[in-house]
N, C-alpha and C. Protein backbone atom coordinates (compact mmCIF):
# COMPACT_ATOMS: atom_id res chain seq x y z
N MET A 1 33.32 5.89 -11.13
CA MET A 1 33.54 4.73 -12.00
C MET A 1 32.64 3.95 -12.12
N GLY A 2 31.90 3.39 -10.50
CA GLY A 2 30.73 2.68 -10.60
C GLY A 2 29.87 2.99 -11.40
N PHE A 3 29.40 4.34 -11.41
CA PHE A 3 28.15 5.10 -12.14
C PHE A 3 28.68 4.91 -13.48
N LEU A 4 29.81 5.20 -14.18
CA LEU A 4 30.06 5.14 -15.46
C LEU A 4 29.79 3.27 -16.10
N ASP A 5 30.31 2.51 -15.24
CA ASP A 5 30.10 1.11 -15.28
C ASP A 5 28.79 0.83 -15.56
N VAL A 6 27.59 1.23 -14.73
CA VAL A 6 26.22 1.09 -14.80
C VAL A 6 25.73 1.88 -16.26
N LEU A 7 26.41 2.75 -16.59
CA LEU A 7 25.48 3.63 -17.79
C LEU A 7 26.40 2.45 -19.13
N THR A 8 27.72 2.47 -18.79
CA THR A 8 28.00 1.58 -20.32
C THR A 8 27.50 0.12 -20.35
N GLY A 9 26.94 -0.11 -19.32
CA GLY A 9 26.56 -1.64 -19.38
C GLY A 9 26.95 -2.69 -18.66
N LYS A 10 27.99 -2.50 -18.64
CA LYS A 10 29.36 -3.35 -17.71
C LYS A 10 28.81 -4.09 -16.26
N ARG A 11 28.07 -3.19 -15.66
CA ARG A 11 27.38 -3.63 -14.62
C ARG A 11 25.93 -3.29 -14.23
N LYS A 12 25.37 -4.29 -13.82
CA LYS A 12 23.98 -3.99 -13.58
C LYS A 12 23.82 -3.68 -12.34
N LEU A 13 22.79 -2.76 -11.80
CA LEU A 13 22.17 -2.29 -10.50
C LEU A 13 21.58 -3.41 -10.28
N ALA A 14 21.43 -3.76 -8.65
CA ALA A 14 20.91 -4.83 -7.86
C ALA A 14 19.06 -4.25 -7.98
N GLY A 15 18.53 -5.33 -8.46
CA GLY A 15 16.85 -5.17 -7.97
C GLY A 15 16.62 -5.31 -6.74
N PRO A 16 15.57 -4.63 -6.48
CA PRO A 16 15.11 -5.11 -5.22
C PRO A 16 15.17 -6.33 -4.39
N ALA A 17 15.50 -6.34 -3.03
CA ALA A 17 15.46 -7.79 -2.53
C ALA A 17 14.34 -7.79 -2.91
N PRO A 18 13.91 -9.25 -2.90
CA PRO A 18 12.56 -10.00 -3.21
C PRO A 18 11.66 -10.15 -2.02
N ASP A 19 12.63 -10.60 -0.91
CA ASP A 19 11.82 -10.95 0.62
C ASP A 19 11.56 -9.18 1.23
N ARG A 20 11.64 -8.26 0.54
CA ARG A 20 10.90 -7.20 1.30
C ARG A 20 9.49 -7.04 1.43
N LEU A 21 8.93 -7.71 0.53
CA LEU A 21 7.34 -7.88 0.98
C LEU A 21 7.16 -8.27 1.72
N PHE A 22 7.93 -9.53 2.89
CA PHE A 22 7.40 -10.10 3.64
C PHE A 22 7.29 -8.68 5.20
N ALA A 23 7.88 -7.90 4.83
CA ALA A 23 7.78 -6.69 6.18
C ALA A 23 6.35 -6.40 6.43
N ILE A 24 5.57 -6.50 5.70
CA ILE A 24 4.22 -6.68 6.20
C ILE A 24 3.91 -7.30 6.82
N SER A 25 4.38 -8.46 6.78
CA SER A 25 3.90 -9.10 7.90
C SER A 25 4.16 -8.76 9.36
N THR A 26 5.18 -8.57 9.43
CA THR A 26 5.74 -8.05 10.92
C THR A 26 5.04 -6.93 11.33
N ALA A 27 5.32 -5.59 10.08
CA ALA A 27 4.49 -4.57 10.29
C ALA A 27 3.05 -4.78 10.72
N TYR A 28 2.48 -5.63 10.33
CA TYR A 28 0.89 -5.81 10.54
C TYR A 28 1.20 -5.88 12.06
N VAL A 29 1.78 -6.37 13.18
CA VAL A 29 1.34 -6.53 14.42
C VAL A 29 1.46 -5.24 14.94
N THR A 30 2.52 -4.27 14.65
CA THR A 30 2.37 -3.18 14.75
C THR A 30 1.21 -2.08 14.91
N LEU A 31 0.62 -2.56 13.42
CA LEU A 31 -0.49 -2.33 12.63
C LEU A 31 -1.82 -2.02 13.66
N GLU A 32 -1.96 -3.49 14.19
CA GLU A 32 -3.15 -4.05 14.59
C GLU A 32 -3.04 -3.39 16.33
N THR A 33 -2.01 -3.97 16.78
CA THR A 33 -2.10 -3.75 18.04
C THR A 33 -1.58 -2.36 18.50
N THR A 34 -0.62 -1.52 17.68
CA THR A 34 -0.51 -0.02 18.38
C THR A 34 -1.34 1.06 17.59
N LEU A 35 -1.76 0.79 16.30
CA LEU A 35 -2.27 2.06 15.73
C LEU A 35 -3.79 1.58 15.28
N ALA A 36 -4.37 0.14 15.82
CA ALA A 36 -5.98 -0.32 15.48
C ALA A 36 -6.53 0.01 14.27
N ILE A 37 -5.51 -0.60 13.19
CA ILE A 37 -5.50 -0.71 11.84
C ILE A 37 -5.58 -2.32 11.76
N THR A 38 -6.95 -3.02 10.84
CA THR A 38 -6.74 -4.30 11.15
C THR A 38 -7.05 -4.72 9.34
N THR A 39 -6.51 -5.79 9.22
CA THR A 39 -6.65 -6.48 8.05
C THR A 39 -8.14 -6.52 7.22
N ARG A 40 -8.62 -6.04 6.23
CA ARG A 40 -10.02 -6.20 5.33
C ARG A 40 -10.25 -7.56 5.09
N GLY A 41 -9.19 -8.50 5.00
CA GLY A 41 -9.49 -10.03 4.59
C GLY A 41 -8.64 -10.28 3.01
N SER A 42 -8.14 -9.10 2.44
CA SER A 42 -7.96 -9.08 1.24
C SER A 42 -6.67 -8.12 1.03
N ALA A 43 -6.35 -9.02 -0.23
CA ALA A 43 -4.91 -8.58 -0.96
C ALA A 43 -4.66 -8.79 -2.29
N ALA A 44 -4.19 -8.26 -3.10
CA ALA A 44 -4.23 -8.23 -4.48
C ALA A 44 -2.84 -8.17 -5.28
N ILE A 45 -2.67 -9.07 -6.53
CA ILE A 45 -1.18 -8.66 -6.98
C ILE A 45 -1.79 -7.83 -8.59
N VAL A 46 -0.88 -7.07 -8.97
CA VAL A 46 -1.67 -6.11 -10.20
C VAL A 46 -0.36 -6.52 -10.92
N PHE A 47 -0.70 -6.95 -12.23
CA PHE A 47 0.35 -7.11 -13.14
C PHE A 47 -0.39 -6.80 -14.43
N GLN A 48 0.17 -7.19 -15.87
CA GLN A 48 -0.13 -6.89 -17.01
C GLN A 48 0.03 -8.00 -17.67
N PRO A 49 -1.30 -8.52 -18.28
CA PRO A 49 -1.49 -9.70 -18.63
C PRO A 49 -0.78 -9.88 -20.14
N LEU A 50 -0.22 -10.98 -20.74
CA LEU A 50 0.37 -11.19 -21.87
C LEU A 50 -0.65 -12.39 -22.29
N ALA A 51 -1.56 -12.15 -23.74
CA ALA A 51 -2.22 -13.04 -24.45
C ALA A 51 -1.55 -14.39 -25.02
N THR A 52 -0.79 -14.80 -24.14
CA THR A 52 0.26 -15.79 -24.28
C THR A 52 -0.21 -17.26 -23.64
N ALA A 53 0.08 -18.62 -24.30
CA ALA A 53 -0.44 -19.53 -23.42
C ALA A 53 0.57 -19.81 -22.28
N ASP A 54 1.74 -19.61 -22.59
CA ASP A 54 2.90 -19.88 -21.61
C ASP A 54 2.21 -18.79 -20.21
N PHE A 55 2.21 -17.65 -20.33
CA PHE A 55 2.04 -16.57 -19.38
C PHE A 55 0.17 -16.98 -18.36
N GLU A 56 -0.37 -16.88 -19.62
CA GLU A 56 -2.01 -17.55 -19.47
C GLU A 56 -1.66 -18.98 -18.20
N SER A 57 -0.67 -19.96 -18.71
CA SER A 57 -0.64 -21.30 -17.81
C SER A 57 -0.21 -20.65 -16.34
N ILE A 58 0.74 -19.81 -16.50
CA ILE A 58 1.59 -19.51 -15.20
C ILE A 58 0.49 -19.02 -14.52
N VAL A 59 0.12 -18.12 -14.79
CA VAL A 59 -1.37 -17.47 -13.63
C VAL A 59 -2.37 -18.62 -13.47
N ARG A 60 -2.87 -19.29 -14.21
CA ARG A 60 -3.88 -20.42 -13.81
C ARG A 60 -3.21 -21.11 -12.92
N ASP A 61 -2.06 -21.71 -13.26
CA ASP A 61 -1.42 -22.67 -12.14
C ASP A 61 -1.26 -22.03 -10.78
N MET A 62 -0.82 -20.47 -10.91
CA MET A 62 -0.77 -19.75 -9.55
C MET A 62 -2.11 -19.78 -8.69
N GLU A 63 -3.18 -19.63 -9.55
CA GLU A 63 -4.64 -19.54 -8.85
C GLU A 63 -4.88 -20.89 -8.31
N GLU A 64 -4.14 -21.79 -8.87
CA GLU A 64 -4.52 -23.28 -8.33
C GLU A 64 -3.93 -23.58 -6.90
N VAL A 65 -2.52 -23.12 -7.29
CA VAL A 65 -1.32 -23.75 -6.51
C VAL A 65 -1.77 -22.30 -4.54
N VAL A 66 -2.02 -21.57 -5.32
CA VAL A 66 -2.63 -20.87 -4.07
C VAL A 66 -4.01 -21.25 -3.23
N SER A 67 -5.34 -21.35 -4.37
CA SER A 67 -6.22 -22.04 -3.73
C SER A 67 -5.79 -23.47 -2.92
N ALA A 68 -5.07 -24.45 -3.42
CA ALA A 68 -5.03 -25.88 -2.89
C ALA A 68 -3.93 -25.55 -1.81
N THR A 69 -3.10 -24.20 -1.36
CA THR A 69 -2.34 -24.47 -0.43
C THR A 69 -2.91 -23.52 0.71
N ALA A 70 -4.06 -23.13 0.38
CA ALA A 70 -4.76 -22.07 1.62
C ALA A 70 -5.30 -22.93 2.43
N GLY A 71 -5.37 -24.50 2.77
CA GLY A 71 -5.79 -25.29 3.71
C GLY A 71 -7.22 -24.52 4.76
N ASP A 72 -6.87 -24.58 5.92
CA ASP A 72 -7.91 -24.22 6.60
C ASP A 72 -8.26 -22.78 6.52
N SER A 73 -7.64 -21.99 6.29
CA SER A 73 -7.34 -20.53 5.91
C SER A 73 -8.73 -20.11 5.28
N GLY A 74 -8.76 -20.80 4.45
CA GLY A 74 -10.30 -20.55 3.80
C GLY A 74 -10.02 -19.34 2.62
N THR A 75 -8.89 -19.07 2.06
CA THR A 75 -8.20 -18.22 1.10
C THR A 75 -8.67 -18.65 -0.30
N ARG A 76 -9.31 -17.65 -0.62
CA ARG A 76 -10.15 -17.57 -2.00
C ARG A 76 -9.35 -16.74 -3.07
N VAL A 77 -9.49 -17.31 -4.21
CA VAL A 77 -8.70 -16.30 -5.68
C VAL A 77 -9.75 -16.26 -6.52
N GLU A 78 -9.68 -15.06 -6.63
CA GLU A 78 -10.60 -14.53 -8.04
C GLU A 78 -9.78 -13.48 -8.97
N SER A 79 -9.87 -13.29 -10.41
CA SER A 79 -8.87 -12.21 -10.88
C SER A 79 -10.22 -11.46 -12.00
N SER A 80 -9.58 -10.34 -12.09
CA SER A 80 -10.37 -9.01 -12.80
C SER A 80 -9.84 -8.35 -13.63
N ASP A 81 -9.86 -7.47 -14.61
CA ASP A 81 -9.14 -6.62 -15.15
C ASP A 81 -9.59 -5.28 -15.27
N ASP A 82 -9.13 -4.62 -15.23
CA ASP A 82 -9.07 -3.40 -15.06
C ASP A 82 -9.62 -2.37 -16.27
N SER A 83 -9.78 -1.32 -16.19
CA SER A 83 -9.81 -0.49 -17.69
C SER A 83 -8.92 -0.20 -18.36
N TYR A 84 -7.49 -0.05 -17.48
CA TYR A 84 -6.37 -0.07 -17.88
C TYR A 84 -5.73 -0.94 -18.38
N GLY A 85 -6.41 -2.42 -18.50
CA GLY A 85 -5.28 -2.95 -19.10
C GLY A 85 -4.77 -4.01 -17.84
N PHE A 86 -4.31 -4.15 -16.87
CA PHE A 86 -3.90 -4.56 -16.02
C PHE A 86 -4.91 -5.81 -15.16
N ARG A 87 -4.51 -6.83 -14.75
CA ARG A 87 -5.22 -8.02 -13.99
C ARG A 87 -4.79 -7.92 -12.25
N TRP A 88 -6.00 -8.04 -11.93
CA TRP A 88 -5.66 -7.97 -10.49
C TRP A 88 -5.86 -9.34 -10.18
N LEU A 89 -5.43 -10.16 -9.45
CA LEU A 89 -5.50 -11.24 -8.98
C LEU A 89 -5.54 -11.07 -7.54
N VAL A 90 -6.50 -11.52 -6.90
CA VAL A 90 -7.22 -10.92 -5.58
C VAL A 90 -7.21 -12.28 -4.92
N LEU A 91 -6.73 -11.93 -3.71
CA LEU A 91 -6.75 -13.02 -2.50
C LEU A 91 -7.60 -12.75 -0.99
N ARG A 92 -8.44 -13.66 -0.77
CA ARG A 92 -9.65 -13.21 0.20
C ARG A 92 -9.61 -13.89 1.01
N GLY A 93 -9.25 -14.10 2.29
CA GLY A 93 -9.17 -14.74 3.34
C GLY A 93 -8.62 -14.21 5.06
N THR A 94 -9.10 -15.05 5.86
CA THR A 94 -9.11 -14.64 7.51
C THR A 94 -7.65 -14.28 7.47
N ASP A 95 -6.50 -15.47 7.03
CA ASP A 95 -5.47 -15.41 7.17
C ASP A 95 -4.19 -14.34 6.81
N PHE A 96 -4.01 -13.47 7.56
CA PHE A 96 -3.20 -12.79 6.59
C PHE A 96 -2.12 -13.11 6.26
N GLU A 97 -1.23 -13.79 7.15
CA GLU A 97 0.13 -14.55 6.94
C GLU A 97 -0.31 -15.20 5.40
N GLN A 98 -1.21 -16.27 5.07
CA GLN A 98 -1.68 -16.73 3.91
C GLN A 98 -1.73 -15.74 2.70
N LEU A 99 -2.28 -14.54 2.85
CA LEU A 99 -2.43 -13.78 1.88
C LEU A 99 -1.09 -13.33 1.31
N VAL A 100 -0.03 -13.17 2.54
CA VAL A 100 1.16 -12.33 2.32
C VAL A 100 1.95 -13.67 1.03
N VAL A 101 1.70 -14.68 1.71
CA VAL A 101 2.55 -15.72 1.41
C VAL A 101 1.72 -16.24 -0.19
N GLY A 102 0.38 -15.89 -0.36
CA GLY A 102 0.14 -16.21 -1.74
C GLY A 102 0.53 -15.23 -2.62
N ILE A 103 0.41 -13.89 -2.33
CA ILE A 103 1.08 -12.62 -3.24
C ILE A 103 2.36 -13.21 -3.71
N ASN A 104 3.29 -13.77 -2.43
CA ASN A 104 4.39 -13.64 -3.03
C ASN A 104 4.55 -14.56 -3.99
N ALA A 105 3.69 -15.94 -3.72
CA ALA A 105 4.02 -17.19 -4.64
C ALA A 105 3.66 -16.63 -6.02
N VAL A 106 2.97 -16.05 -6.57
CA VAL A 106 2.58 -15.25 -7.85
C VAL A 106 3.64 -14.66 -8.13
N SER A 107 4.24 -13.77 -7.61
CA SER A 107 4.92 -12.60 -8.19
C SER A 107 6.13 -13.97 -8.11
N GLY A 108 6.35 -14.69 -7.69
CA GLY A 108 7.98 -15.46 -7.52
C GLY A 108 7.54 -16.20 -9.01
N ALA A 109 6.27 -16.72 -9.13
CA ALA A 109 6.10 -17.76 -10.46
C ALA A 109 6.14 -16.99 -11.60
N LEU A 110 5.83 -15.62 -11.53
CA LEU A 110 5.58 -14.73 -12.90
C LEU A 110 6.86 -14.25 -13.03
N GLU A 111 7.71 -13.79 -11.84
CA GLU A 111 9.32 -13.66 -12.12
C GLU A 111 10.29 -14.69 -12.46
N ALA A 112 9.75 -16.16 -11.85
CA ALA A 112 10.63 -17.49 -12.72
C ALA A 112 10.13 -17.79 -14.18
N GLY A 113 9.22 -17.42 -14.19
CA GLY A 113 8.83 -17.56 -15.72
C GLY A 113 9.35 -16.49 -16.76
N GLY A 114 10.05 -15.26 -16.20
CA GLY A 114 10.54 -14.69 -16.96
C GLY A 114 9.60 -13.34 -17.44
N TYR A 115 8.35 -13.03 -16.51
CA TYR A 115 7.42 -12.31 -16.52
C TYR A 115 7.74 -11.20 -15.50
N GLY A 116 8.51 -11.27 -14.85
CA GLY A 116 8.67 -10.31 -13.53
C GLY A 116 8.47 -8.67 -14.04
N GLU A 117 8.90 -8.10 -15.02
CA GLU A 117 8.77 -6.81 -15.41
C GLU A 117 7.43 -6.40 -15.45
N ARG A 118 6.27 -7.67 -15.97
CA ARG A 118 5.00 -6.91 -15.90
C ARG A 118 4.19 -7.12 -14.67
N VAL A 119 4.90 -7.50 -13.68
CA VAL A 119 4.03 -7.01 -12.56
C VAL A 119 4.67 -5.57 -11.97
N LEU A 120 3.03 -5.09 -11.50
CA LEU A 120 3.30 -3.64 -11.13
C LEU A 120 3.29 -3.74 -9.83
N CYS A 121 2.51 -3.81 -8.73
CA CYS A 121 2.27 -3.71 -7.39
C CYS A 121 1.69 -5.20 -6.72
N ALA A 122 1.78 -5.09 -5.75
CA ALA A 122 1.18 -5.63 -4.35
C ALA A 122 0.34 -4.65 -3.48
N VAL A 123 -1.07 -5.14 -3.25
CA VAL A 123 -1.97 -4.11 -2.48
C VAL A 123 -2.88 -4.97 -1.42
N PHE A 124 -2.23 -4.52 0.05
CA PHE A 124 -3.06 -5.12 1.14
C PHE A 124 -4.13 -3.73 1.73
N ALA A 125 -4.85 -4.68 1.81
CA ALA A 125 -6.68 -3.78 2.16
C ALA A 125 -6.40 -3.74 4.21
N PHE A 126 -6.58 -2.51 4.35
CA PHE A 126 -6.77 -2.51 5.87
C PHE A 126 -7.92 -1.36 6.09
N GLU A 127 -8.28 -1.34 7.28
CA GLU A 127 -9.18 -0.52 7.67
C GLU A 127 -8.93 0.05 9.30
N ASP A 128 -8.99 1.27 9.30
CA ASP A 128 -8.85 1.76 11.05
C ASP A 128 -9.83 1.34 11.64
N ALA A 129 -9.98 2.37 12.64
CA ALA A 129 -10.93 2.29 13.91
C ALA A 129 -12.52 2.25 13.48
N HIS A 130 -12.59 3.48 12.53
CA HIS A 130 -14.08 4.00 12.07
C HIS A 130 -14.10 3.01 10.81
N LYS A 131 -13.65 1.91 10.37
CA LYS A 131 -14.09 1.59 9.21
C LYS A 131 -13.31 2.32 7.93
N LYS A 132 -12.42 3.19 7.89
CA LYS A 132 -12.13 3.80 6.86
C LYS A 132 -10.85 3.20 5.91
N PRO A 133 -10.93 2.75 5.00
CA PRO A 133 -9.94 1.82 4.36
C PRO A 133 -8.58 2.57 3.82
N ILE A 134 -7.49 1.98 4.24
CA ILE A 134 -6.36 2.12 4.05
C ILE A 134 -5.94 0.92 3.21
N TYR A 135 -4.99 1.46 2.35
CA TYR A 135 -3.76 0.51 1.66
C TYR A 135 -2.49 0.65 1.95
N TRP A 136 -1.63 -0.34 1.76
CA TRP A 136 -0.22 -0.34 1.42
C TRP A 136 0.04 -1.12 0.27
N ILE A 137 0.55 -0.55 -0.61
CA ILE A 137 1.08 -0.69 -1.61
C ILE A 137 2.18 -1.11 -1.73
N TYR A 138 2.78 -2.53 -2.42
CA TYR A 138 4.67 -2.58 -2.41
C TYR A 138 4.52 -2.23 -3.73
N ASN A 139 5.71 -1.49 -4.66
CA ASN A 139 6.05 -1.20 -5.67
C ASN A 139 7.05 -2.18 -6.06
N TYR A 140 6.80 -3.52 -6.62
CA TYR A 140 8.11 -4.45 -6.91
C TYR A 140 9.31 -3.69 -7.43
N LYS A 141 9.01 -2.77 -8.39
CA LYS A 141 10.31 -2.14 -8.95
C LYS A 141 11.57 -1.37 -8.28
N ARG A 142 10.37 -0.98 -7.39
CA ARG A 142 11.07 -0.06 -6.30
C ARG A 142 11.45 -0.69 -4.96
N GLY A 143 11.06 -2.16 -4.31
CA GLY A 143 11.16 -2.71 -3.71
C GLY A 143 10.68 -1.98 -2.13
N SER A 144 9.73 -1.48 -2.50
CA SER A 144 9.29 -0.65 -1.02
C SER A 144 7.68 -0.12 -1.17
N PHE A 145 7.02 -0.02 -0.03
CA PHE A 145 5.62 0.16 0.48
C PHE A 145 5.45 1.90 0.48
N TYR A 146 4.28 2.01 -0.06
CA TYR A 146 3.76 3.37 0.57
C TYR A 146 2.39 3.25 1.12
N PRO A 147 1.90 4.07 1.63
CA PRO A 147 0.54 4.16 2.18
C PRO A 147 -0.41 4.83 1.10
N PHE A 148 -1.50 4.29 0.69
CA PHE A 148 -2.65 4.73 0.18
C PHE A 148 -3.98 5.06 0.94
N VAL A 149 -4.35 6.29 0.96
CA VAL A 149 -5.62 6.80 1.75
C VAL A 149 -6.56 7.37 1.25
N PRO A 150 -7.64 6.92 0.54
CA PRO A 150 -8.68 7.23 -0.09
C PRO A 150 -9.47 8.24 0.94
N ALA A 151 -10.08 9.52 0.12
CA ALA A 151 -10.34 10.38 1.21
C ALA A 151 -12.11 10.75 0.27
N ALA A 152 -12.74 11.20 0.65
CA ALA A 152 -14.10 11.52 0.63
C ALA A 152 -14.11 12.35 -0.69
N GLY A 153 -14.91 12.23 -1.79
CA GLY A 153 -15.28 12.61 -2.76
C GLY A 153 -14.43 11.77 -3.73
N ASP A 154 -14.61 12.18 -5.10
CA ASP A 154 -14.12 11.73 -6.37
C ASP A 154 -12.65 11.68 -6.60
N GLN A 155 -11.73 10.42 -6.41
CA GLN A 155 -10.51 10.20 -6.53
C GLN A 155 -9.73 11.35 -5.69
N GLN A 156 -10.10 11.22 -4.65
CA GLN A 156 -9.33 12.34 -3.62
C GLN A 156 -8.67 11.46 -2.34
N ARG A 157 -7.70 11.89 -1.82
CA ARG A 157 -6.66 11.18 -1.30
C ARG A 157 -6.12 12.20 0.17
N ASP A 158 -6.26 11.25 1.30
CA ASP A 158 -5.89 11.99 2.21
C ASP A 158 -4.43 11.53 2.60
N ASN A 159 -3.98 12.92 1.89
CA ASN A 159 -2.34 12.87 2.26
C ASN A 159 -1.62 13.08 3.42
N GLU A 160 -2.28 13.99 4.33
CA GLU A 160 -2.10 14.13 5.75
C GLU A 160 -1.53 12.44 6.19
N ARG A 161 -2.54 11.75 6.32
CA ARG A 161 -2.83 10.72 6.76
C ARG A 161 -1.88 9.68 6.60
N GLU A 162 -1.39 10.03 5.07
CA GLU A 162 -0.58 8.93 4.39
C GLU A 162 0.67 8.90 5.27
N LEU A 163 0.99 10.68 5.20
CA LEU A 163 2.39 11.27 5.61
C LEU A 163 2.47 10.27 7.63
N VAL A 164 1.36 10.58 7.95
CA VAL A 164 1.20 10.31 9.14
C VAL A 164 1.63 8.78 9.52
N LEU A 165 0.86 7.81 8.62
CA LEU A 165 1.17 6.03 8.24
C LEU A 165 2.64 6.28 8.59
N LYS A 166 3.06 6.95 7.19
CA LYS A 166 4.94 6.68 7.02
C LYS A 166 5.49 7.17 8.67
N ALA A 167 5.00 7.57 8.81
CA ALA A 167 6.01 8.52 10.26
C ALA A 167 5.82 7.07 11.33
N GLN A 168 4.46 6.60 11.58
CA GLN A 168 4.23 5.80 12.59
C GLN A 168 4.76 4.20 12.10
N ILE A 169 4.80 3.97 10.86
CA ILE A 169 5.36 2.07 10.78
C ILE A 169 6.42 2.28 9.85
N GLY A 170 7.27 3.70 9.82
CA GLY A 170 8.20 3.83 8.66
C GLY A 170 9.67 2.80 8.96
N ALA A 171 9.86 2.42 10.38
CA ALA A 171 10.50 1.85 10.92
C ALA A 171 10.86 0.59 10.70
N GLU A 172 9.43 -0.15 10.25
CA GLU A 172 9.17 -1.27 10.31
C GLU A 172 9.29 -1.82 8.76
N LEU A 173 8.77 -0.65 7.99
CA LEU A 173 8.73 -1.32 6.50
C LEU A 173 9.43 -0.52 5.63
N PRO A 174 10.07 -1.37 4.79
CA PRO A 174 10.52 -0.06 3.45
C PRO A 174 9.87 0.47 2.82
N VAL A 175 9.32 2.02 3.47
CA VAL A 175 8.79 2.57 3.02
C VAL A 175 9.31 3.78 1.89
N GLU A 176 9.05 3.86 0.93
CA GLU A 176 9.27 4.54 -0.31
C GLU A 176 9.69 6.00 0.10
N THR A 177 11.01 6.52 -0.38
CA THR A 177 11.25 8.04 0.31
C THR A 177 10.81 9.11 -0.69
N GLU A 178 10.43 8.44 -1.97
CA GLU A 178 10.27 9.50 -2.93
C GLU A 178 8.84 10.02 -3.16
N LEU A 179 8.15 10.86 -2.20
CA LEU A 179 6.82 10.93 -2.38
C LEU A 179 5.83 11.32 -3.76
N GLU A 180 6.39 11.64 -4.31
CA GLU A 180 6.52 11.33 -5.68
C GLU A 180 6.18 10.20 -6.46
N ARG A 181 6.51 9.11 -6.14
CA ARG A 181 6.22 7.61 -6.55
C ARG A 181 4.99 7.52 -5.49
N TRP A 182 4.24 8.01 -5.10
CA TRP A 182 3.36 7.32 -3.87
C TRP A 182 1.74 7.27 -4.78
N PHE A 183 1.85 6.78 -6.10
CA PHE A 183 0.76 6.62 -6.55
C PHE A 183 -0.51 6.44 -6.02
N PRO A 184 -1.71 7.10 -6.78
CA PRO A 184 -2.87 6.48 -6.06
C PRO A 184 -3.05 5.52 -6.95
N LEU A 185 -4.14 4.30 -6.62
CA LEU A 185 -4.88 3.41 -7.35
C LEU A 185 -6.24 3.91 -7.34
N TRP A 186 -6.85 3.99 -7.96
CA TRP A 186 -7.91 4.31 -8.17
C TRP A 186 -9.38 3.03 -8.20
N GLY A 187 -10.11 2.83 -7.68
CA GLY A 187 -11.09 1.67 -7.99
C GLY A 187 -10.52 0.48 -7.45
N ILE A 188 -9.62 0.19 -6.64
CA ILE A 188 -9.06 -1.18 -6.23
C ILE A 188 -10.31 -1.89 -5.72
N PRO A 189 -10.32 -3.36 -6.24
CA PRO A 189 -11.30 -4.17 -6.43
C PRO A 189 -11.22 -5.05 -4.98
N ILE A 190 -10.30 -4.28 -3.64
CA ILE A 190 -10.45 -5.17 -2.77
C ILE A 190 -11.05 -4.54 -1.14
């Protein structure tokens, strides 16, 4: 009967818990100490912009708030649009915690403004001991993370390394269980 209630609109499915994003903060301790994976000092939130004054005002205000609250961490904010029509609001700084808090502040403001459905994902940039890039991507609609590891060559990915990362950190992060939802993001500007 519960499934039928959802289908008929009598009951809504609960969305993902917004605090799941913060799991990356605790997982970072394991990434750094156990797996020798360190932050590259950047993170981004990716969303589909709207050409409305309200939407642009929220984004501009959040850029200012994140910059102002960065304090001594020196976090910088910049934005760029990609060829698919998505905007990347990029945070750069040495304090990983501040990057997570900044990303959360932007997504919270967009959601509070009624634009939560426009948010695609958050991306956190890391590198291994050999300086190879590793990204952990947070899918807001699913409330889960997945690894993305680019490989040598044009638009190639290292699926084996991604699965190893899932096994190594899966107990600490809400990792997406459906592998077909591990979408690659080519041309990440962080």
